[in-house]
């Protein structure tokens, strides 16, 4: 159960601040867990591929914007 004061504080945050809180909480639950270097390399490669062929999908920024607006990133803006 979340205290009403904490809930009110969280609701006052911007979406970007809420994402930062989620990231922080997730890291605190599983300390020391992160991506291995090969996984980071793969992510960077896929991001470069996406930038080269932008019609292939959504960027993280586009996906987050869609989620925040309620569109869930289903269609490109």
PDB file of N, CA and C in Angstrom:
ATOM      1  N   UNK A   1       0.846  -1.181   0.000  1.00  0.00           N
ATOM      2  CA  UNK A   1       0.000   0.000   0.000  1.00  0.00           C
ATOM      3  C   UNK A   1       0.884   1.234   0.000  1.00  0.00           C
ATOM      4  N   UNK A   2       0.561   2.173  -0.840  1.00  0.00           N
ATOM      5  CA  UNK A   2       1.301   3.421  -0.937  1.00  0.00           C
ATOM      6  C   UNK A   2       0.597   4.463  -0.090  1.00  0.00           C
ATOM      7  N   UNK A   3       1.375   5.164   0.719  1.00  0.00           N
ATOM      8  CA  UNK A   3       0.767   6.192   1.564  1.00  0.00           C
ATOM      9  C   UNK A   3       0.181   7.302   0.690  1.00  0.00           C
ATOM     10  N   UNK A   4      -0.880   7.939   1.164  1.00  0.00           N
ATOM     11  CA  UNK A   4      -1.488   9.025   0.382  1.00  0.00           C
ATOM     12  C   UNK A   4      -0.497  10.157   0.081  1.00  0.00           C
ATOM     13  N   UNK A   5       0.377  10.470   1.028  1.00  0.00           N
ATOM     14  CA  UNK A   5       1.350  11.542   0.810  1.00  0.00           C
ATOM     15  C   UNK A   5       2.327  11.175  -0.309  1.00  0.00           C
ATOM     16  N   UNK A   6       2.774   9.919  -0.319  1.00  0.00           N
ATOM     17  CA  UNK A   6       3.686   9.475  -1.364  1.00  0.00           C
ATOM     18  C   UNK A   6       2.976   9.470  -2.712  1.00  0.00           C
ATOM     19  N   UNK A   7       1.757   8.963  -2.737  1.00  0.00           N
ATOM     20  CA  UNK A   7       0.980   8.935  -3.990  1.00  0.00           C
ATOM     21  C   UNK A   7       0.818  10.352  -4.536  1.00  0.00           C
ATOM     22  N   UNK A   8       0.499  11.293  -3.668  1.00  0.00           N
ATOM     23  CA  UNK A   8       0.315  12.682  -4.089  1.00  0.00           C
ATOM     24  C   UNK A   8       1.621  13.254  -4.648  1.00  0.00           C
ATOM     25  N   UNK A   9       2.725  12.938  -4.004  1.00  0.00           N
ATOM     26  CA  UNK A   9       4.026  13.410  -4.482  1.00  0.00           C
ATOM     27  C   UNK A   9       4.350  12.825  -5.850  1.00  0.00           C
ATOM     28  N   UNK A  10       4.074  11.549  -6.023  1.00  0.00           N
ATOM     29  CA  UNK A  10       4.347  10.902  -7.307  1.00  0.00           C
ATOM     30  C   UNK A  10       3.473  11.467  -8.416  1.00  0.00           C
ATOM     31  N   UNK A  11       2.220  11.718  -8.115  1.00  0.00           N
ATOM     32  CA  UNK A  11       1.303  12.252  -9.118  1.00  0.00           C
ATOM     33  C   UNK A  11       1.676  13.669  -9.542  1.00  0.00           C
ATOM     34  N   UNK A  12       2.410  14.384  -8.683  1.00  0.00           N
ATOM     35  CA  UNK A  12       2.835  15.745  -9.011  1.00  0.00           C
ATOM     36  C   UNK A  12       4.045  15.771  -9.943  1.00  0.00           C
ATOM     37  N   UNK A  13       4.699  14.615 -10.131  1.00  0.00           N
ATOM     38  CA  UNK A  13       5.880  14.550 -10.990  1.00  0.00           C
ATOM     39  C   UNK A  13       5.497  14.605 -12.463  1.00  0.00           C
ATOM     40  N   UNK A  14       6.440  15.094 -13.268  1.00  0.00           N
ATOM     41  CA  UNK A  14       6.252  15.059 -14.714  1.00  0.00           C
ATOM     42  C   UNK A  14       6.423  13.619 -15.176  1.00  0.00           C
ATOM     43  N   UNK A  15       5.970  13.285 -16.374  1.00  0.00           N
ATOM     44  CA  UNK A  15       6.189  11.931 -16.880  1.00  0.00           C
ATOM     45  C   UNK A  15       7.672  11.535 -16.889  1.00  0.00           C
ATOM     46  N   UNK A  16       8.545  12.453 -17.275  1.00  0.00           N
ATOM     47  CA  UNK A  16       9.973  12.139 -17.298  1.00  0.00           C
ATOM     48  C   UNK A  16      10.489  11.847 -15.891  1.00  0.00           C
ATOM     49  N   UNK A  17      10.017  12.601 -14.916  1.00  0.00           N
ATOM     50  CA  UNK A  17      10.430  12.367 -13.532  1.00  0.00           C
ATOM     51  C   UNK A  17       9.901  11.021 -13.030  1.00  0.00           C
ATOM     52  N   UNK A  18       8.700  10.659 -13.437  1.00  0.00           N
ATOM     53  CA  UNK A  18       8.143   9.359 -13.042  1.00  0.00           C
ATOM     54  C   UNK A  18       8.972   8.213 -13.615  1.00  0.00           C
ATOM     55  N   UNK A  19       9.396   8.354 -14.861  1.00  0.00           N
ATOM     56  CA  UNK A  19      10.246   7.334 -15.480  1.00  0.00           C
ATOM     57  C   UNK A  19      11.552   7.210 -14.696  1.00  0.00           C
ATOM     58  N   UNK A  20      12.117   8.340 -14.282  1.00  0.00           N
ATOM     59  CA  UNK A  20      13.355   8.318 -13.503  1.00  0.00           C
ATOM     60  C   UNK A  20      13.140   7.611 -12.161  1.00  0.00           C
ATOM     61  N   UNK A  21      11.991   7.841 -11.527  1.00  0.00           N
ATOM     62  CA  UNK A  21      11.681   7.171 -10.262  1.00  0.00           C
ATOM     63  C   UNK A  21      11.551   5.665 -10.483  1.00  0.00           C
ATOM     64  N   UNK A  22      10.880   5.281 -11.546  1.00  0.00           N
ATOM     65  CA  UNK A  22      10.728   3.852 -11.851  1.00  0.00           C
ATOM     66  C   UNK A  22      12.091   3.208 -12.062  1.00  0.00           C
ATOM     67  N   UNK A  23      12.940   3.871 -12.849  1.00  0.00           N
ATOM     68  CA  UNK A  23      14.283   3.341 -13.087  1.00  0.00           C
ATOM     69  C   UNK A  23      15.046   3.179 -11.779  1.00  0.00           C
ATOM     70  N   UNK A  24      14.956   4.180 -10.923  1.00  0.00           N
ATOM     71  CA  UNK A  24      15.654   4.140  -9.643  1.00  0.00           C
ATOM     72  C   UNK A  24      15.132   3.010  -8.754  1.00  0.00           C
ATOM     73  N   UNK A  25      13.821   2.867  -8.696  1.00  0.00           N
ATOM     74  CA  UNK A  25      13.229   1.790  -7.897  1.00  0.00           C
ATOM     75  C   UNK A  25      13.630   0.419  -8.427  1.00  0.00           C
ATOM     76  N   UNK A  26      13.609   0.268  -9.736  1.00  0.00           N
ATOM     77  CA  UNK A  26      13.972  -1.016 -10.327  1.00  0.00           C
ATOM     78  C   UNK A  26      15.416  -1.369  -9.988  1.00  0.00           C
ATOM     79  N   UNK A  27      16.306  -0.392 -10.092  1.00  0.00           N
ATOM     80  CA  UNK A  27      17.716  -0.646  -9.761  1.00  0.00           C
ATOM     81  C   UNK A  27      17.888  -0.998  -8.283  1.00  0.00           C
ATOM     82  N   UNK A  28      17.083  -0.393  -7.427  1.00  0.00           N
ATOM     83  CA  UNK A  28      17.221  -0.668  -5.994  1.00  0.00           C
ATOM     84  C   UNK A  28      16.722  -2.065  -5.631  1.00  0.00           C
ATOM     85  N   UNK A  29      15.803  -2.607  -6.428  1.00  0.00           N
ATOM     86  CA  UNK A  29      15.282  -3.938  -6.156  1.00  0.00           C
ATOM     87  C   UNK A  29      16.244  -5.035  -6.584  1.00  0.00           C
ATOM     88  N   UNK A  30      16.999  -4.780  -7.642  1.00  0.00           N
ATOM     89  CA  UNK A  30      17.930  -5.769  -8.169  1.00  0.00           C
ATOM     90  C   UNK A  30      19.288  -5.087  -8.352  1.00  0.00           C
ATOM     91  N   UNK A  31      19.994  -4.843  -7.238  1.00  0.00           N
ATOM     92  CA  UNK A  31      21.273  -4.144  -7.364  1.00  0.00           C
ATOM     93  C   UNK A  31      22.303  -4.954  -8.144  1.00  0.00           C
ATOM     94  N   UNK A  32      23.073  -4.248  -8.930  1.00  0.00           N
ATOM     95  CA  UNK A  32      24.150  -4.895  -9.662  1.00  0.00           C
ATOM     96  C   UNK A  32      23.735  -5.569 -10.949  1.00  0.00           C
ATOM     97  N   UNK A  33      22.434  -5.575 -11.238  1.00  0.00           N
ATOM     98  CA  UNK A  33      21.974  -6.212 -12.466  1.00  0.00           C
ATOM     99  C   UNK A  33      21.907  -5.142 -13.549  1.00  0.00           C
ATOM    100  N   UNK A  34      22.487  -5.435 -14.650  1.00  0.00           N
ATOM    101  CA  UNK A  34      22.463  -4.499 -15.767  1.00  0.00           C
ATOM    102  C   UNK A  34      22.731  -5.256 -17.048  1.00  0.00           C
ATOM    103  N   UNK A  35      22.881  -4.523 -18.092  1.00  0.00           N
ATOM    104  CA  UNK A  35      23.155  -5.150 -19.373  1.00  0.00           C
ATOM    105  C   UNK A  35      24.637  -5.463 -19.494  1.00  0.00           C
ATOM    106  N   UNK A  36      24.933  -6.603 -20.061  1.00  0.00           N
ATOM    107  CA  UNK A  36      26.314  -6.963 -20.348  1.00  0.00           C
ATOM    108  C   UNK A  36      26.762  -6.178 -21.575  1.00  0.00           C
ATOM    109  N   UNK A  37      28.056  -6.050 -21.748  1.00  0.00           N
ATOM    110  CA  UNK A  37      28.590  -5.271 -22.863  1.00  0.00           C
ATOM    111  C   UNK A  37      28.083  -5.756 -24.221  1.00  0.00           C
ATOM    112  N   UNK A  38      28.000  -7.075 -24.477  1.00  0.00           N
ATOM    113  CA  UNK A  38      27.460  -7.515 -25.774  1.00  0.00           C
ATOM    114  C   UNK A  38      26.007  -7.055 -25.999  1.00  0.00           C
ATOM    115  N   UNK A  39      25.220  -7.033 -24.922  1.00  0.00           N
ATOM    116  CA  UNK A  39      23.839  -6.573 -25.042  1.00  0.00           C
ATOM    117  C   UNK A  39      23.789  -5.081 -25.353  1.00  0.00           C
ATOM    118  N   UNK A  40      24.644  -4.306 -24.700  1.00  0.00           N
ATOM    119  CA  UNK A  40      24.713  -2.873 -24.976  1.00  0.00           C
ATOM    120  C   UNK A  40      25.132  -2.624 -26.425  1.00  0.00           C
ATOM    121  N   UNK A  41      26.087  -3.415 -26.908  1.00  0.00           N
ATOM    122  CA  UNK A  41      26.534  -3.280 -28.292  1.00  0.00           C
ATOM    123  C   UNK A  41      25.399  -3.585 -29.253  1.00  0.00           C
ATOM    124  N   UNK A  42      24.650  -4.638 -28.990  1.00  0.00           N
ATOM    125  CA  UNK A  42      23.519  -5.011 -29.838  1.00  0.00           C
ATOM    126  C   UNK A  42      22.471  -3.899 -29.866  1.00  0.00           C
ATOM    127  N   UNK A  43      22.187  -3.325 -28.720  1.00  0.00           N
ATOM    128  CA  UNK A  43      21.213  -2.235 -28.656  1.00  0.00           C
ATOM    129  C   UNK A  43      21.689  -1.048 -29.480  1.00  0.00           C
ATOM    130  N   UNK A  44      22.974  -0.696 -29.356  1.00  0.00           N
ATOM    131  CA  UNK A  44      23.521   0.413 -30.137  1.00  0.00           C
ATOM    132  C   UNK A  44      23.434   0.110 -31.635  1.00  0.00           C
ATOM    133  N   UNK A  45      23.724  -1.133 -32.027  1.00  0.00           N
ATOM    134  CA  UNK A  45      23.639  -1.518 -33.439  1.00  0.00           C
ATOM    135  C   UNK A  45      22.216  -1.405 -33.956  1.00  0.00           C
ATOM    136  N   UNK A  46      21.278  -1.881 -33.180  1.00  0.00           N
ATOM    137  CA  UNK A  46      19.879  -1.827 -33.605  1.00  0.00           C
ATOM    138  C   UNK A  46      19.374  -0.390 -33.668  1.00  0.00           C
ATOM    139  N   UNK A  47      19.847   0.443 -32.752  1.00  0.00           N
ATOM    140  CA  UNK A  47      19.472   1.852 -32.793  1.00  0.00           C
ATOM    141  C   UNK A  47      20.015   2.512 -34.062  1.00  0.00           C
ATOM    142  N   UNK A  48      21.246   2.183 -34.425  1.00  0.00           N
ATOM    143  CA  UNK A  48      21.836   2.729 -35.651  1.00  0.00           C
ATOM    144  C   UNK A  48      21.056   2.254 -36.869  1.00  0.00           C
ATOM    145  N   UNK A  49      20.650   0.988 -36.887  1.00  0.00           N
ATOM    146  CA  UNK A  49      19.843   0.460 -37.985  1.00  0.00           C
ATOM    147  C   UNK A  49      18.509   1.193 -38.086  1.00  0.00           C
ATOM    148  N   UNK A  50      17.903   1.459 -36.938  1.00  0.00           N
ATOM    149  CA  UNK A  50      16.631   2.171 -36.923  1.00  0.00           C
ATOM    150  C   UNK A  50      16.802   3.574 -37.488  1.00  0.00           C
ATOM    151  N   UNK A  51      17.868   4.255 -37.079  1.00  0.00           N
ATOM    152  CA  UNK A  51      18.103   5.602 -37.585  1.00  0.00           C
ATOM    153  C   UNK A  51      18.344   5.589 -39.087  1.00  0.00           C
ATOM    154  N   UNK A  52      18.986   4.534 -39.600  1.00  0.00           N
ATOM    155  CA  UNK A  52      19.256   4.431 -41.032  1.00  0.00           C
ATOM    156  C   UNK A  52      17.978   4.137 -41.825  1.00  0.00           C
ATOM    157  N   UNK A  53      17.049   3.421 -41.217  1.00  0.00           N
ATOM    158  CA  UNK A  53      15.779   3.080 -41.858  1.00  0.00           C
ATOM    159  C   UNK A  53      14.651   3.433 -40.896  1.00  0.00           C
ATOM    160  N   UNK A  54      14.415   4.726 -40.739  1.00  0.00           N
ATOM    161  CA  UNK A  54      13.481   5.193 -39.714  1.00  0.00           C
ATOM    162  C   UNK A  54      12.063   4.680 -39.881  1.00  0.00           C
ATOM    163  N   UNK A  55      11.699   4.213 -41.058  1.00  0.00           N
ATOM    164  CA  UNK A  55      10.341   3.704 -41.237  1.00  0.00           C
ATOM    165  C   UNK A  55      10.168   2.304 -40.648  1.00  0.00           C
ATOM    166  N   UNK A  56      11.265   1.718 -40.153  1.00  0.00           N
ATOM    167  CA  UNK A  56      11.220   0.348 -39.646  1.00  0.00           C
ATOM    168  C   UNK A  56      10.552   0.235 -38.281  1.00  0.00           C
ATOM    169  N   UNK A  57      10.434   1.325 -37.540  1.00  0.00           N
ATOM    170  CA  UNK A  57       9.842   1.231 -36.207  1.00  0.00           C
ATOM    171  C   UNK A  57       9.795   2.578 -35.530  1.00  0.00           C
ATOM    172  N   UNK A  58       9.647   2.543 -34.220  1.00  0.00           N
ATOM    173  CA  UNK A  58       9.567   3.754 -33.421  1.00  0.00           C
ATOM    174  C   UNK A  58      10.848   3.942 -32.615  1.00  0.00           C
ATOM    175  N   UNK A  59      11.220   5.186 -32.406  1.00  0.00           N
ATOM    176  CA  UNK A  59      12.324   5.469 -31.490  1.00  0.00           C
ATOM    177  C   UNK A  59      11.766   5.384 -30.068  1.00  0.00           C
ATOM    178  N   UNK A  60      12.664   5.338 -29.081  1.00  0.00           N
ATOM    179  CA  UNK A  60      12.210   5.327 -27.689  1.00  0.00           C
ATOM    180  C   UNK A  60      11.396   6.587 -27.401  1.00  0.00           C
ATOM    181  N   UNK A  61      11.847   7.718 -27.918  1.00  0.00           N
ATOM    182  CA  UNK A  61      11.132   8.973 -27.678  1.00  0.00           C
ATOM    183  C   UNK A  61       9.716   8.902 -28.260  1.00  0.00           C
ATOM    184  N   UNK A  62       9.586   8.356 -29.475  1.00  0.00           N
ATOM    185  CA  UNK A  62       8.265   8.220 -30.090  1.00  0.00           C
ATOM    186  C   UNK A  62       7.384   7.256 -29.312  1.00  0.00           C
ATOM    187  N   UNK A  63       7.961   6.149 -28.870  1.00  0.00           N
ATOM    188  CA  UNK A  63       7.200   5.172 -28.100  1.00  0.00           C
ATOM    189  C   UNK A  63       6.725   5.768 -26.782  1.00  0.00           C
ATOM    190  N   UNK A  64       7.638   6.418 -26.068  1.00  0.00           N
ATOM    191  CA  UNK A  64       7.257   7.038 -24.791  1.00  0.00           C
ATOM    192  C   UNK A  64       6.174   8.096 -24.994  1.00  0.00           C
ATOM    193  N   UNK A  65       6.324   8.922 -26.036  1.00  0.00           N
ATOM    194  CA  UNK A  65       5.322   9.955 -26.308  1.00  0.00           C
ATOM    195  C   UNK A  65       3.969   9.313 -26.597  1.00  0.00           C
ATOM    196  N   UNK A  66       3.967   8.230 -27.371  1.00  0.00           N
ATOM    197  CA  UNK A  66       2.723   7.532 -27.661  1.00  0.00           C
ATOM    198  C   UNK A  66       2.089   6.942 -26.419  1.00  0.00           C
ATOM    199  N   UNK A  67       2.920   6.381 -25.549  1.00  0.00           N
ATOM    200  CA  UNK A  67       2.400   5.810 -24.306  1.00  0.00           C
ATOM    201  C   UNK A  67       1.809   6.894 -23.421  1.00  0.00           C
ATOM    202  N   UNK A  68       2.496   8.023 -23.349  1.00  0.00           N
ATOM    203  CA  UNK A  68       2.010   9.113 -22.502  1.00  0.00           C
ATOM    204  C   UNK A  68       0.724   9.723 -23.035  1.00  0.00           C
ATOM    205  N   UNK A  69       0.564   9.711 -24.358  1.00  0.00           N
ATOM    206  CA  UNK A  69      -0.641  10.297 -24.944  1.00  0.00           C
ATOM    207  C   UNK A  69      -1.784   9.296 -25.050  1.00  0.00           C
ATOM    208  N   UNK A  70      -1.508   8.034 -24.692  1.00  0.00           N
ATOM    209  CA  UNK A  70      -2.530   7.009 -24.731  1.00  0.00           C
ATOM    210  C   UNK A  70      -2.607   6.274 -26.047  1.00  0.00           C
ATOM    211  N   UNK A  71      -1.681   6.561 -26.968  1.00  0.00           N
ATOM    212  CA  UNK A  71      -1.694   5.880 -28.257  1.00  0.00           C
ATOM    213  C   UNK A  71      -0.910   4.575 -28.228  1.00  0.00           C
ATOM    214  N   UNK A  72      -0.162   4.333 -27.189  1.00  0.00           N
ATOM    215  CA  UNK A  72       0.612   3.096 -26.989  1.00  0.00           C
ATOM    216  C   UNK A  72       1.600   2.810 -28.105  1.00  0.00           C
ATOM    217  N   UNK A  73       1.958   3.793 -28.895  1.00  0.00           N
ATOM    218  CA  UNK A  73       2.959   3.602 -29.931  1.00  0.00           C
ATOM    219  C   UNK A  73       2.506   2.699 -31.058  1.00  0.00           C
ATOM    220  N   UNK A  74       1.215   2.493 -31.183  1.00  0.00           N
ATOM    221  CA  UNK A  74       0.703   1.574 -32.198  1.00  0.00           C
ATOM    222  C   UNK A  74       0.897   2.100 -33.613  1.00  0.00           C
ATOM    223  N   UNK A  75       0.848   3.394 -33.775  1.00  0.00           N
ATOM    224  CA  UNK A  75       1.010   3.975 -35.105  1.00  0.00           C
ATOM    225  C   UNK A  75       2.006   5.122 -35.036  1.00  0.00           C
ATOM    226  N   UNK A  76       2.755   5.290 -36.082  1.00  0.00           N
ATOM    227  CA  UNK A  76       3.719   6.377 -36.115  1.00  0.00           C
ATOM    228  C   UNK A  76       2.964   7.699 -36.203  1.00  0.00           C
ATOM    229  N   UNK A  77       3.444   8.695 -35.456  1.00  0.00           N
ATOM    230  CA  UNK A  77       2.777  10.012 -35.520  1.00  0.00           C
ATOM    231  C   UNK A  77       2.943  10.661 -36.878  1.00  0.00           C
TER     232      UNK A  77
END
